[in-house]
Protein backbone atom coordinates (compact mmCIF):
# COMPACT_ATOMS: atom_id res chain seq x y z
CA MET A 1 -31.04 8.23 -65.65
CA PRO A 2 -30.45 7.84 -61.87
CA GLU A 3 -32.98 9.31 -59.47
CA THR A 4 -32.01 12.47 -57.64
CA ASP A 5 -32.62 13.22 -53.98
CA GLY A 6 -35.44 15.53 -55.04
CA ASP A 7 -37.23 12.73 -56.86
CA ASP A 8 -36.92 10.44 -53.87
CA LEU A 9 -38.02 13.11 -51.39
CA SER A 10 -41.15 13.93 -53.37
CA ASP A 11 -42.52 10.44 -52.62
CA LEU A 12 -42.08 10.78 -48.85
CA PRO A 13 -44.70 11.86 -46.31
CA PRO A 14 -44.70 15.50 -45.16
CA SER A 15 -43.14 14.59 -41.81
CA ALA A 16 -40.08 13.10 -43.53
CA LYS A 17 -39.74 16.19 -45.71
CA LEU A 18 -39.89 18.38 -42.60
CA VAL A 19 -37.22 16.31 -40.86
CA PHE A 20 -35.04 16.59 -43.97
CA LYS A 21 -35.44 20.40 -43.98
CA VAL A 22 -34.68 20.62 -40.25
CA LEU A 23 -31.45 18.68 -40.81
CA GLU A 24 -30.67 20.78 -43.87
CA TYR A 25 -30.99 24.07 -41.96
CA ASP A 26 -29.83 23.11 -38.46
CA GLY A 27 -27.09 20.63 -39.31
CA PRO A 28 -26.40 17.36 -37.53
CA LEU A 29 -28.89 16.72 -34.72
CA THR A 30 -29.88 13.95 -32.35
CA GLN A 31 -33.37 12.53 -32.56
CA LYS A 32 -34.27 14.60 -29.49
CA GLY A 33 -32.98 17.73 -31.23
CA ILE A 34 -35.05 16.97 -34.32
CA VAL A 35 -38.14 16.49 -32.14
CA GLU A 36 -37.54 19.87 -30.49
CA GLU A 37 -36.88 21.72 -33.77
CA SER A 38 -39.68 20.13 -35.80
CA MET A 39 -42.28 19.92 -33.01
CA LEU A 40 -43.16 16.42 -34.25
CA SER A 41 -43.64 13.48 -31.89
CA ALA A 42 -40.67 11.21 -31.20
CA ARG A 43 -42.45 8.33 -32.92
CA THR A 44 -43.09 10.42 -36.06
CA VAL A 45 -39.45 11.54 -36.15
CA ARG A 46 -38.26 7.92 -35.81
CA TYR A 47 -40.46 6.89 -38.73
CA ALA A 48 -39.33 9.85 -40.83
CA LEU A 49 -35.66 9.08 -40.15
CA GLU A 50 -36.18 5.45 -41.15
CA ARG A 51 -37.74 6.53 -44.44
CA LEU A 52 -34.94 9.05 -45.10
CA GLU A 53 -32.29 6.42 -44.34
CA ASP A 54 -34.05 3.94 -46.65
CA ILE A 55 -33.60 6.26 -49.63
CA GLY A 56 -30.05 7.14 -48.60
CA VAL A 57 -30.34 10.88 -47.95
CA VAL A 58 -29.69 10.78 -44.19
CA GLU A 59 -26.89 9.02 -42.37
CA GLU A 60 -26.68 7.99 -38.73
CA ASP A 61 -23.53 8.39 -36.66
CA VAL A 62 -22.48 8.04 -33.03
CA TYR A 63 -23.14 11.09 -30.86
CA PHE A 64 -19.94 11.25 -28.83
CA ALA A 65 -21.35 13.56 -26.15
CA ASP A 66 -23.86 10.82 -25.23
CA ALA A 67 -23.23 7.41 -26.79
CA ARG A 68 -26.81 6.35 -26.04
CA GLN A 69 -27.98 8.70 -28.80
CA ASN A 70 -27.29 8.88 -32.51
CA LEU A 71 -26.48 11.92 -34.58
CA TYR A 72 -28.33 12.34 -37.86
CA GLU A 73 -27.20 14.42 -40.81
CA ILE A 74 -27.89 14.79 -44.49
CA ASP A 75 -25.71 12.46 -46.54
CA LYS A 76 -23.87 14.76 -48.93
CA PRO A 77 -23.12 13.25 -52.34
CA ASP A 78 -19.49 12.90 -53.34
CA CYS A 79 -18.21 15.58 -55.71
CA ASP A 80 -16.12 14.76 -58.77
CA GLY A 81 -14.14 18.00 -58.81
CA ASP A 82 -17.27 20.14 -59.05
CA CYS A 83 -17.69 20.78 -55.33
CA GLU A 84 -16.89 24.48 -55.68
CA ALA A 85 -19.39 24.88 -58.51
CA ALA A 86 -22.07 23.04 -56.53
CA ALA A 87 -21.39 25.12 -53.41
CA SER A 88 -21.56 28.40 -55.32
CA ALA A 89 -24.86 27.34 -56.91
CA ASP A 90 -26.45 27.11 -53.45
């Protein structure tokens, strides 16, 4: 049986779980935005993002408003026709 995001997240440090929740509630953010929302240090946020990217639950994209920064968001799994059912379950 494949591991779910919940199983992977349970093994992460509290800072990574907090960063995940910040991204879950506040949507795509830059690292600076995550630092401001989570009140964690920039170094802690960088480490948390690395851990979240390692397990494949967060993806990094270009932040077009300032190309020197990256935009981070939760990597949503692909739906096989059950997207409506999954959305209504939330």
